[in-house]
Structures are given as structure tokens and as C-alpha cells.
Amino acid sequence: MEYHKPVLLNESVDGLNIVPEGIYVDLTYGSGGHSKEILKRLKGGKLIAFDQDIEAKQNAINDKRFVFINGNFRFFKNFL
């Protein structure tokens, strides 16, 4: 599957006002473009990402601060 290139990546992530020790959730992981940028700004925080596509799982980031959940985001409350 081919994913789109993140548009307004820095502007979007800047708007989150990332706290380096914070916990963040990406409900539409895809190729991980936004998640990668969030992780660059985290120090000891955590990022949890959801996507139901097999291809997205193959793009999962190998980082101790990152958790990938292969599932539909409508069930995110079951995982948090």
C-alpha cells in the first residue's frame, strides 16, 4: 500500500505543544510520518499508535517509547 506524504507535518506537530515526558496517541498511523516526528520531540514520554492495516504494522517504529496496536481506532478506549 502506498501512503501519502504528511502535509503540514511540522505545523501539525507544533500545534500539539509536545511535552517531552507526555503520552500521545496517533489514531491513524499509516506510514508513521506524524508519529516519527512526535517521537523526535519526546524524551521519556510514550506514543501509542493504532492502525488496522497490515501494511501499517510493517511500518511500526522500533522504539521503547512506541507501542503499535494493530486494530481499528474506534476501539482505542479498550487499550488505554
Protein backbone atom coordinates (compact mmCIF):
# COMPACT_ATOMS: atom_id res chain seq x y z
CA MET A 1 0.00 0.00 0.00
CA GLU A 2 1.28 3.45 -0.84
CA TYR A 3 0.72 6.12 1.78
CA HIS A 4 0.55 9.85 1.28
CA LYS A 5 3.38 12.10 2.36
CA PRO A 6 2.40 14.00 5.52
CA VAL A 7 1.22 17.51 4.69
CA LEU A 8 1.91 20.36 7.11
CA LEU A 9 3.86 17.88 9.25
CA ASN A 10 5.75 20.38 11.38
CA GLU A 11 2.77 22.70 11.70
CA SER A 12 0.56 19.82 12.85
CA VAL A 13 3.02 18.52 15.41
CA ASP A 14 3.94 22.04 16.57
CA GLY A 15 0.25 22.52 17.36
CA LEU A 16 0.41 19.63 19.83
CA ASN A 17 2.86 21.56 22.04
CA ILE A 18 4.70 18.31 22.79
CA VAL A 19 5.70 17.81 26.41
CA PRO A 20 8.90 15.68 26.35
CA GLU A 21 7.59 13.34 29.05
CA GLY A 22 4.00 13.27 27.76
CA ILE A 23 1.83 10.47 26.42
CA TYR A 24 0.40 10.81 22.92
CA VAL A 25 -1.90 8.74 20.70
CA ASP A 26 -1.87 8.53 16.89
CA LEU A 27 -5.18 7.01 15.83
CA THR A 28 -4.36 6.86 12.11
CA TYR A 29 -0.74 5.66 11.99
CA GLY A 30 -0.44 4.77 8.28
CA SER A 31 3.22 5.10 7.30
CA GLY A 32 4.11 6.73 10.60
CA GLY A 33 5.13 10.16 9.35
CA HIS A 34 3.50 12.12 12.16
CA SER A 35 4.46 9.52 14.76
CA LYS A 36 8.13 9.73 13.78
CA GLU A 37 8.08 13.49 14.22
CA ILE A 38 6.35 13.21 17.59
CA LEU A 39 8.97 10.71 18.76
CA LYS A 40 11.75 13.11 17.76
CA ARG A 41 10.30 15.56 20.28
CA LEU A 42 9.72 13.09 23.11
CA LYS A 43 12.41 12.30 25.65
CA GLY A 44 10.94 9.80 28.08
CA GLY A 45 7.32 10.03 27.03
CA LYS A 46 5.23 7.47 25.20
CA LEU A 47 3.46 7.29 21.85
CA ILE A 48 0.69 4.77 21.21
CA ALA A 49 -0.37 4.28 17.59
CA PHE A 50 -3.36 2.49 16.09
CA ASP A 51 -3.94 1.20 12.58
CA GLN A 52 -5.86 -1.80 11.31
CA ASP A 53 -3.93 -2.22 8.05
CA ILE A 54 -1.32 -4.97 7.81
CA GLU A 55 0.94 -2.62 5.84
CA ALA A 56 0.88 -0.10 8.66
CA LYS A 57 2.03 -2.77 11.10
CA GLN A 58 5.02 -3.40 8.84
CA ASN A 59 5.90 0.30 9.22
CA ALA A 60 5.88 0.14 13.03
CA ILE A 61 8.72 2.02 14.67
CA ASN A 62 11.19 0.09 16.80
CA ASP A 63 11.49 2.34 19.84
CA LYS A 64 10.88 1.64 23.53
CA ARG A 65 8.70 4.76 23.73
CA PHE A 66 6.43 3.48 20.94
CA VAL A 67 3.55 0.99 21.10
CA PHE A 68 1.76 -0.11 17.93
CA ILE A 69 -1.73 -1.59 18.21
CA ASN A 70 -2.97 -3.38 15.11
CA GLY A 71 -6.65 -2.52 15.34
CA ASN A 72 -9.37 -0.05 14.47
CA PHE A 73 -9.13 3.23 16.35
CA ARG A 74 -12.80 3.04 17.29
CA PHE A 75 -11.75 0.55 19.98
CA PHE A 76 -8.93 2.68 21.39
CA LYS A 77 -10.63 3.01 24.78
CA ASN A 78 -10.20 -0.76 25.23
CA PHE A 79 -6.42 -0.35 25.04
CA LEU A 80 -5.78 2.80 27.05
